[in-house]
Amino acid sequence: MLKLSIPVEPNLYKSLIGHPKVIRLVALSGGYSTEDACAELAKNEGMIASFSRGLLQDLRVSQSDEEFDAVLGGAIDQIYRASIA
């Protein structure tokens, strides 16, 4: 498994994704906002997300359980969609 920053050039790592010794190519959000990281990830076939910052960026201690769950669920859905694009 390789954990790399999202490339500026889409599909730059495509040859690595198809390599028989690479199980997964995981994208780091690299300081992008969740929206920007997902948009960039979606341009790269075969990469999946590892966006811990993006997952947590909109969570607040002041949120109710319902708000927290909704925000977390929304982030998970957005990151998942970018990973399968």
PDB file of N, CA and C in Angstrom:
ATOM      1  N   MET A   1       0.850  -1.166   0.000  1.00  0.00           N
ATOM      2  CA  MET A   1       0.000   0.000   0.000  1.00  0.00           C
ATOM      3  C   MET A   1       0.894   1.225   0.000  1.00  0.00           C
ATOM      4  N   LEU A   2       0.578   2.155  -0.879  1.00  0.00           N
ATOM      5  CA  LEU A   2       1.310   3.421  -0.944  1.00  0.00           C
ATOM      6  C   LEU A   2       0.368   4.554  -0.572  1.00  0.00           C
ATOM      7  N   LYS A   3       0.855   5.452   0.255  1.00  0.00           N
ATOM      8  CA  LYS A   3       0.096   6.627   0.667  1.00  0.00           C
ATOM      9  C   LYS A   3       0.802   7.842   0.097  1.00  0.00           C
ATOM     10  N   LEU A   4       0.173   8.484  -0.897  1.00  0.00           N
ATOM     11  CA  LEU A   4       0.801   9.588  -1.617  1.00  0.00           C
ATOM     12  C   LEU A   4      -0.127  10.785  -1.688  1.00  0.00           C
ATOM     13  N   SER A   5       0.457  11.953  -1.878  1.00  0.00           N
ATOM     14  CA  SER A   5      -0.348  13.156  -2.101  1.00  0.00           C
ATOM     15  C   SER A   5      -1.076  13.044  -3.434  1.00  0.00           C
ATOM     16  N   ILE A   6      -2.196  13.708  -3.526  1.00  0.00           N
ATOM     17  CA  ILE A   6      -2.944  13.721  -4.783  1.00  0.00           C
ATOM     18  C   ILE A   6      -2.076  14.431  -5.822  1.00  0.00           C
ATOM     19  N   PRO A   7      -1.857  13.804  -6.970  1.00  0.00           N
ATOM     20  CA  PRO A   7      -0.992  14.441  -7.966  1.00  0.00           C
ATOM     21  C   PRO A   7      -1.668  15.628  -8.656  1.00  0.00           C
ATOM     22  N   VAL A   8      -0.867  16.585  -9.061  1.00  0.00           N
ATOM     23  CA  VAL A   8      -1.377  17.734  -9.810  1.00  0.00           C
ATOM     24  C   VAL A   8      -1.832  17.275 -11.193  1.00  0.00           C
ATOM     25  N   GLU A   9      -1.090  16.356 -11.774  1.00  0.00           N
ATOM     26  CA  GLU A   9      -1.436  15.794 -13.082  1.00  0.00           C
ATOM     27  C   GLU A   9      -2.320  14.569 -12.861  1.00  0.00           C
ATOM     28  N   PRO A  10      -3.586  14.601 -13.305  1.00  0.00           N
ATOM     29  CA  PRO A  10      -4.472  13.460 -13.101  1.00  0.00           C
ATOM     30  C   PRO A  10      -3.886  12.156 -13.630  1.00  0.00           C
ATOM     31  N   ASN A  11      -4.087  11.112 -12.847  1.00  0.00           N
ATOM     32  CA  ASN A  11      -3.661   9.741 -13.183  1.00  0.00           C
ATOM     33  C   ASN A  11      -2.147   9.578 -13.320  1.00  0.00           C
ATOM     34  N   LEU A  12      -1.395  10.455 -12.700  1.00  0.00           N
ATOM     35  CA  LEU A  12       0.061  10.351 -12.739  1.00  0.00           C
ATOM     36  C   LEU A  12       0.541   9.007 -12.187  1.00  0.00           C
ATOM     37  N   TYR A  13      -0.162   8.484 -11.206  1.00  0.00           N
ATOM     38  CA  TYR A  13       0.250   7.232 -10.553  1.00  0.00           C
ATOM     39  C   TYR A  13      -0.437   5.998 -11.133  1.00  0.00           C
ATOM     40  N   LYS A  14      -1.095   6.139 -12.263  1.00  0.00           N
ATOM     41  CA  LYS A  14      -1.881   5.023 -12.812  1.00  0.00           C
ATOM     42  C   LYS A  14      -1.047   3.754 -13.004  1.00  0.00           C
ATOM     43  N   SER A  15       0.207   3.892 -13.409  1.00  0.00           N
ATOM     44  CA  SER A  15       1.038   2.701 -13.606  1.00  0.00           C
ATOM     45  C   SER A  15       1.319   1.995 -12.279  1.00  0.00           C
ATOM     46  N   LEU A  16       1.361   2.741 -11.182  1.00  0.00           N
ATOM     47  CA  LEU A  16       1.547   2.127  -9.864  1.00  0.00           C
ATOM     48  C   LEU A  16       0.309   1.355  -9.438  1.00  0.00           C
ATOM     49  N   ILE A  17      -0.856   1.896  -9.756  1.00  0.00           N
ATOM     50  CA  ILE A  17      -2.113   1.260  -9.356  1.00  0.00           C
ATOM     51  C   ILE A  17      -2.226  -0.126  -9.983  1.00  0.00           C
ATOM     52  N   GLY A  18      -1.773  -0.261 -11.198  1.00  0.00           N
ATOM     53  CA  GLY A  18      -1.850  -1.542 -11.888  1.00  0.00           C
ATOM     54  C   GLY A  18      -0.703  -2.494 -11.577  1.00  0.00           C
ATOM     55  N   HIS A  19       0.267  -2.059 -10.808  1.00  0.00           N
ATOM     56  CA  HIS A  19       1.428  -2.901 -10.501  1.00  0.00           C
ATOM     57  C   HIS A  19       1.011  -4.055  -9.595  1.00  0.00           C
ATOM     58  N   PRO A  20       1.478  -5.272  -9.888  1.00  0.00           N
ATOM     59  CA  PRO A  20       1.048  -6.446  -9.111  1.00  0.00           C
ATOM     60  C   PRO A  20       1.485  -6.429  -7.638  1.00  0.00           C
ATOM     61  N   LYS A  21       2.463  -5.634  -7.289  1.00  0.00           N
ATOM     62  CA  LYS A  21       2.904  -5.589  -5.892  1.00  0.00           C
ATOM     63  C   LYS A  21       2.276  -4.439  -5.103  1.00  0.00           C
ATOM     64  N   VAL A  22       1.395  -3.684  -5.742  1.00  0.00           N
ATOM     65  CA  VAL A  22       0.705  -2.583  -5.070  1.00  0.00           C
ATOM     66  C   VAL A  22      -0.738  -3.014  -4.818  1.00  0.00           C
ATOM     67  N   ILE A  23      -1.100  -3.063  -3.541  1.00  0.00           N
ATOM     68  CA  ILE A  23      -2.460  -3.456  -3.175  1.00  0.00           C
ATOM     69  C   ILE A  23      -3.420  -2.282  -3.309  1.00  0.00           C
ATOM     70  N   ARG A  24      -3.029  -1.130  -2.775  1.00  0.00           N
ATOM     71  CA  ARG A  24      -3.845   0.079  -2.817  1.00  0.00           C
ATOM     72  C   ARG A  24      -2.953   1.293  -2.962  1.00  0.00           C
ATOM     73  N   LEU A  25      -3.476   2.299  -3.606  1.00  0.00           N
ATOM     74  CA  LEU A  25      -2.824   3.601  -3.664  1.00  0.00           C
ATOM     75  C   LEU A  25      -3.764   4.568  -2.961  1.00  0.00           C
ATOM     76  N   VAL A  26      -3.322   5.052  -1.821  1.00  0.00           N
ATOM     77  CA  VAL A  26      -4.153   5.866  -0.945  1.00  0.00           C
ATOM     78  C   VAL A  26      -3.736   7.326  -1.067  1.00  0.00           C
ATOM     79  N   ALA A  27      -4.718   8.194  -1.242  1.00  0.00           N
ATOM     80  CA  ALA A  27      -4.463   9.622  -1.429  1.00  0.00           C
ATOM     81  C   ALA A  27      -4.572  10.374  -0.110  1.00  0.00           C
ATOM     82  N   LEU A  28      -3.560  11.161   0.176  1.00  0.00           N
ATOM     83  CA  LEU A  28      -3.604  12.092   1.300  1.00  0.00           C
ATOM     84  C   LEU A  28      -4.230  13.387   0.812  1.00  0.00           C
ATOM     85  N   SER A  29      -4.965  14.064   1.667  1.00  0.00           N
ATOM     86  CA  SER A  29      -5.650  15.292   1.239  1.00  0.00           C
ATOM     87  C   SER A  29      -4.691  16.451   1.015  1.00  0.00           C
ATOM     88  N   GLY A  30      -3.512  16.390   1.561  1.00  0.00           N
ATOM     89  CA  GLY A  30      -2.472  17.368   1.273  1.00  0.00           C
ATOM     90  C   GLY A  30      -2.819  18.803   1.621  1.00  0.00           C
ATOM     91  N   GLY A  31      -3.644  19.010   2.622  1.00  0.00           N
ATOM     92  CA  GLY A  31      -3.980  20.361   3.025  1.00  0.00           C
ATOM     93  C   GLY A  31      -5.142  20.975   2.267  1.00  0.00           C
ATOM     94  N   TYR A  32      -5.666  20.259   1.270  1.00  0.00           N
ATOM     95  CA  TYR A  32      -6.845  20.744   0.557  1.00  0.00           C
ATOM     96  C   TYR A  32      -8.050  20.714   1.481  1.00  0.00           C
ATOM     97  N   SER A  33      -9.038  21.540   1.201  1.00  0.00           N
ATOM     98  CA  SER A  33     -10.325  21.406   1.882  1.00  0.00           C
ATOM     99  C   SER A  33     -10.931  20.084   1.419  1.00  0.00           C
ATOM    100  N   THR A  34     -11.932  19.614   2.124  1.00  0.00           N
ATOM    101  CA  THR A  34     -12.580  18.358   1.727  1.00  0.00           C
ATOM    102  C   THR A  34     -13.103  18.450   0.301  1.00  0.00           C
ATOM    103  N   GLU A  35     -13.751  19.558  -0.031  1.00  0.00           N
ATOM    104  CA  GLU A  35     -14.335  19.717  -1.368  1.00  0.00           C
ATOM    105  C   GLU A  35     -13.254  19.671  -2.451  1.00  0.00           C
ATOM    106  N   ASP A  36     -12.167  20.408  -2.231  1.00  0.00           N
ATOM    107  CA  ASP A  36     -11.095  20.431  -3.225  1.00  0.00           C
ATOM    108  C   ASP A  36     -10.381  19.083  -3.317  1.00  0.00           C
ATOM    109  N   ALA A  37     -10.131  18.456  -2.174  1.00  0.00           N
ATOM    110  CA  ALA A  37      -9.464  17.148  -2.179  1.00  0.00           C
ATOM    111  C   ALA A  37     -10.317  16.112  -2.901  1.00  0.00           C
ATOM    112  N   CYS A  38     -11.621  16.132  -2.662  1.00  0.00           N
ATOM    113  CA  CYS A  38     -12.508  15.188  -3.345  1.00  0.00           C
ATOM    114  C   CYS A  38     -12.550  15.449  -4.843  1.00  0.00           C
ATOM    115  N   ALA A  39     -12.575  16.709  -5.225  1.00  0.00           N
ATOM    116  CA  ALA A  39     -12.584  17.049  -6.657  1.00  0.00           C
ATOM    117  C   ALA A  39     -11.308  16.567  -7.334  1.00  0.00           C
ATOM    118  N   GLU A  40     -10.180  16.755  -6.678  1.00  0.00           N
ATOM    119  CA  GLU A  40      -8.900  16.316  -7.247  1.00  0.00           C
ATOM    120  C   GLU A  40      -8.788  14.792  -7.244  1.00  0.00           C
ATOM    121  N   LEU A  41      -9.228  14.159  -6.182  1.00  0.00           N
ATOM    122  CA  LEU A  41      -9.177  12.693  -6.107  1.00  0.00           C
ATOM    123  C   LEU A  41     -10.028  12.064  -7.210  1.00  0.00           C
ATOM    124  N   ALA A  42     -11.180  12.638  -7.464  1.00  0.00           N
ATOM    125  CA  ALA A  42     -12.083  12.088  -8.482  1.00  0.00           C
ATOM    126  C   ALA A  42     -11.459  12.078  -9.874  1.00  0.00           C
ATOM    127  N   LYS A  43     -10.416  12.865 -10.093  1.00  0.00           N
ATOM    128  CA  LYS A  43      -9.720  12.900 -11.383  1.00  0.00           C
ATOM    129  C   LYS A  43      -8.687  11.781 -11.514  1.00  0.00           C
ATOM    130  N   ASN A  44      -8.509  10.981 -10.459  1.00  0.00           N
ATOM    131  CA  ASN A  44      -7.464   9.963 -10.419  1.00  0.00           C
ATOM    132  C   ASN A  44      -8.064   8.576 -10.222  1.00  0.00           C
ATOM    133  N   GLU A  45      -8.174   7.845 -11.317  1.00  0.00           N
ATOM    134  CA  GLU A  45      -8.764   6.509 -11.278  1.00  0.00           C
ATOM    135  C   GLU A  45      -7.948   5.573 -10.400  1.00  0.00           C
ATOM    136  N   GLY A  46      -8.640   4.838  -9.543  1.00  0.00           N
ATOM    137  CA  GLY A  46      -7.992   3.798  -8.751  1.00  0.00           C
ATOM    138  C   GLY A  46      -7.429   4.250  -7.423  1.00  0.00           C
ATOM    139  N   MET A  47      -7.333   5.546  -7.188  1.00  0.00           N
ATOM    140  CA  MET A  47      -6.871   6.029  -5.883  1.00  0.00           C
ATOM    141  C   MET A  47      -8.060   6.080  -4.929  1.00  0.00           C
ATOM    142  N   ILE A  48      -7.803   5.781  -3.665  1.00  0.00           N
ATOM    143  CA  ILE A  48      -8.838   5.913  -2.648  1.00  0.00           C
ATOM    144  C   ILE A  48      -8.372   6.925  -1.609  1.00  0.00           C
ATOM    145  N   ALA A  49      -9.309   7.479  -0.870  1.00  0.00           N
ATOM    146  CA  ALA A  49      -9.009   8.576   0.052  1.00  0.00           C
ATOM    147  C   ALA A  49      -8.517   8.104   1.413  1.00  0.00           C
ATOM    148  N   SER A  50      -7.641   8.907   1.967  1.00  0.00           N
ATOM    149  CA  SER A  50      -7.233   8.821   3.367  1.00  0.00           C
ATOM    150  C   SER A  50      -7.225  10.253   3.885  1.00  0.00           C
ATOM    151  N   PHE A  51      -8.416  10.800   4.045  1.00  0.00           N
ATOM    152  CA  PHE A  51      -8.582  12.220   4.356  1.00  0.00           C
ATOM    153  C   PHE A  51      -8.993  12.427   5.802  1.00  0.00           C
ATOM    154  N   SER A  52      -8.124  12.221   6.739  1.00  0.00           N
ATOM    155  CA  SER A  52      -8.507  12.397   8.142  1.00  0.00           C
ATOM    156  C   SER A  52      -8.885  13.838   8.436  1.00  0.00           C
ATOM    157  N   ARG A  53      -8.137  14.788   7.921  1.00  0.00           N
ATOM    158  CA  ARG A  53      -8.463  16.200   8.143  1.00  0.00           C
ATOM    159  C   ARG A  53      -9.800  16.533   7.511  1.00  0.00           C
ATOM    160  N   GLY A  54     -10.015  16.065   6.298  1.00  0.00           N
ATOM    161  CA  GLY A  54     -11.271  16.318   5.612  1.00  0.00           C
ATOM    162  C   GLY A  54     -12.453  15.681   6.311  1.00  0.00           C
ATOM    163  N   LEU A  55     -12.208  14.562   6.925  1.00  0.00           N
ATOM    164  CA  LEU A  55     -13.267  13.872   7.652  1.00  0.00           C
ATOM    165  C   LEU A  55     -13.680  14.657   8.894  1.00  0.00           C
ATOM    166  N   LEU A  56     -12.733  15.317   9.509  1.00  0.00           N
ATOM    167  CA  LEU A  56     -12.974  15.972  10.794  1.00  0.00           C
ATOM    168  C   LEU A  56     -13.173  17.482  10.712  1.00  0.00           C
ATOM    169  N   GLN A  57     -12.905  18.101   9.582  1.00  0.00           N
ATOM    170  CA  GLN A  57     -12.815  19.563   9.510  1.00  0.00           C
ATOM    171  C   GLN A  57     -14.069  20.311   9.948  1.00  0.00           C
ATOM    172  N   ASP A  58     -15.235  19.744   9.791  1.00  0.00           N
ATOM    173  CA  ASP A  58     -16.468  20.463  10.138  1.00  0.00           C
ATOM    174  C   ASP A  58     -17.125  19.960  11.418  1.00  0.00           C
ATOM    175  N   LEU A  59     -16.438  19.097  12.147  1.00  0.00           N
ATOM    176  CA  LEU A  59     -16.985  18.602  13.413  1.00  0.00           C
ATOM    177  C   LEU A  59     -16.646  19.570  14.537  1.00  0.00           C
ATOM    178  N   ARG A  60     -17.614  19.807  15.416  1.00  0.00           N
ATOM    179  CA  ARG A  60     -17.435  20.741  16.524  1.00  0.00           C
ATOM    180  C   ARG A  60     -17.958  20.114  17.813  1.00  0.00           C
ATOM    181  N   VAL A  61     -17.315  20.407  18.900  1.00  0.00           N
ATOM    182  CA  VAL A  61     -17.739  19.896  20.199  1.00  0.00           C
ATOM    183  C   VAL A  61     -19.113  20.445  20.579  1.00  0.00           C
ATOM    184  N   SER A  62     -19.472  21.592  20.049  1.00  0.00           N
ATOM    185  CA  SER A  62     -20.748  22.229  20.374  1.00  0.00           C
ATOM    186  C   SER A  62     -21.941  21.626  19.624  1.00  0.00           C
ATOM    187  N   GLN A  63     -21.690  20.724  18.687  1.00  0.00           N
ATOM    188  CA  GLN A  63     -22.781  20.142  17.905  1.00  0.00           C
ATOM    189  C   GLN A  63     -23.555  19.126  18.744  1.00  0.00           C
ATOM    190  N   SER A  64     -24.843  19.059  18.473  1.00  0.00           N
ATOM    191  CA  SER A  64     -25.654  18.004  19.098  1.00  0.00           C
ATOM    192  C   SER A  64     -25.239  16.668  18.489  1.00  0.00           C
ATOM    193  N   ASP A  65     -25.660  15.588  19.097  1.00  0.00           N
ATOM    194  CA  ASP A  65     -25.348  14.266  18.551  1.00  0.00           C
ATOM    195  C   ASP A  65     -25.874  14.126  17.125  1.00  0.00           C
ATOM    196  N   GLU A  66     -27.067  14.650  16.896  1.00  0.00           N
ATOM    197  CA  GLU A  66     -27.673  14.547  15.569  1.00  0.00           C
ATOM    198  C   GLU A  66     -26.892  15.363  14.540  1.00  0.00           C
ATOM    199  N   GLU A  67     -26.499  16.575  14.905  1.00  0.00           N
ATOM    200  CA  GLU A  67     -25.700  17.414  14.001  1.00  0.00           C
ATOM    201  C   GLU A  67     -24.350  16.769  13.718  1.00  0.00           C
ATOM    202  N   PHE A  68     -23.702  16.277  14.761  1.00  0.00           N
ATOM    203  CA  PHE A  68     -22.407  15.618  14.633  1.00  0.00           C
ATOM    204  C   PHE A  68     -22.516  14.437  13.671  1.00  0.00           C
ATOM    205  N   ASP A  69     -23.522  13.590  13.900  1.00  0.00           N
ATOM    206  CA  ASP A  69     -23.714  12.415  13.042  1.00  0.00           C
ATOM    207  C   ASP A  69     -23.982  12.815  11.594  1.00  0.00           C
ATOM    208  N   ALA A  70     -24.778  13.867  11.400  1.00  0.00           N
ATOM    209  CA  ALA A  70     -25.102  14.312  10.039  1.00  0.00           C
ATOM    210  C   ALA A  70     -23.872  14.868   9.334  1.00  0.00           C
ATOM    211  N   VAL A  71     -23.089  15.668  10.030  1.00  0.00           N
ATOM    212  CA  VAL A  71     -21.883  16.245   9.432  1.00  0.00           C
ATOM    213  C   VAL A  71     -20.866  15.148   9.121  1.00  0.00           C
ATOM    214  N   LEU A  72     -20.665  14.238  10.061  1.00  0.00           N
ATOM    215  CA  LEU A  72     -19.726  13.131   9.841  1.00  0.00           C
ATOM    216  C   LEU A  72     -20.199  12.243   8.691  1.00  0.00           C
ATOM    217  N   GLY A  73     -21.486  11.936   8.674  1.00  0.00           N
ATOM    218  CA  GLY A  73     -22.037  11.114   7.592  1.00  0.00           C
ATOM    219  C   GLY A  73     -21.894  11.781   6.234  1.00  0.00           C
ATOM    220  N   GLY A  74     -22.114  13.087   6.190  1.00  0.00           N
ATOM    221  CA  GLY A  74     -21.953  13.826   4.936  1.00  0.00           C
ATOM    222  C   GLY A  74     -20.523  13.796   4.430  1.00  0.00           C
ATOM    223  N   ALA A  75     -19.569  13.960   5.350  1.00  0.00           N
ATOM    224  CA  ALA A  75     -18.152  13.910   4.964  1.00  0.00           C
ATOM    225  C   ALA A  75     -17.776  12.519   4.461  1.00  0.00           C
ATOM    226  N   ILE A  76     -18.248  11.497   5.151  1.00  0.00           N
ATOM    227  CA  ILE A  76     -17.961  10.115   4.725  1.00  0.00           C
ATOM    228  C   ILE A  76     -18.526   9.868   3.331  1.00  0.00           C
ATOM    229  N   ASP A  77     -19.761  10.291   3.095  1.00  0.00           N
ATOM    230  CA  ASP A  77     -20.381  10.100   1.779  1.00  0.00           C
ATOM    231  C   ASP A  77     -19.613  10.829   0.683  1.00  0.00           C
ATOM    232  N   GLN A  78     -19.231  12.068   0.961  1.00  0.00           N
ATOM    233  CA  GLN A  78     -18.509  12.864  -0.038  1.00  0.00           C
ATOM    234  C   GLN A  78     -17.146  12.237  -0.369  1.00  0.00           C
ATOM    235  N   ILE A  79     -16.428  11.814   0.631  1.00  0.00           N
ATOM    236  CA  ILE A  79     -15.112  11.203   0.433  1.00  0.00           C
ATOM    237  C   ILE A  79     -15.247   9.853  -0.268  1.00  0.00           C
ATOM    238  N   TYR A  80     -16.260   9.082   0.102  1.00  0.00           N
ATOM    239  CA  TYR A  80     -16.498   7.790  -0.556  1.00  0.00           C
ATOM    240  C   TYR A  80     -16.799   7.979  -2.043  1.00  0.00           C
ATOM    241  N   ARG A  81     -17.683   8.939  -2.360  1.00  0.00           N
ATOM    242  CA  ARG A  81     -18.027   9.179  -3.778  1.00  0.00           C
ATOM    243  C   ARG A  81     -16.782   9.558  -4.592  1.00  0.00           C
ATOM    244  N   ALA A  82     -15.911  10.364  -4.002  1.00  0.00           N
ATOM    245  CA  ALA A  82     -14.677  10.753  -4.707  1.00  0.00           C
ATOM    246  C   ALA A  82     -13.761   9.549  -4.908  1.00  0.00           C
ATOM    247  N   SER A  83     -13.795   8.615  -3.961  1.00  0.00           N
ATOM    248  CA  SER A  83     -12.920   7.431  -4.050  1.00  0.00           C
ATOM    249  C   SER A  83     -13.379   6.448  -5.111  1.00  0.00           C
ATOM    250  N   ILE A  84     -14.649   6.479  -5.450  1.00  0.00           N
ATOM    251  CA  ILE A  84     -15.145   5.519  -6.454  1.00  0.00           C
ATOM    252  C   ILE A  84     -15.415   6.167  -7.798  1.00  0.00           C
ATOM    253  N   ALA A  85     -15.158   7.469  -7.904  1.00  0.00           N
ATOM    254  CA  ALA A  85     -15.415   8.194  -9.157  1.00  0.00           C
ATOM    255  C   ALA A  85     -14.589   7.651 -10.297  1.00  0.00           C
TER     256      ALA A  85
END
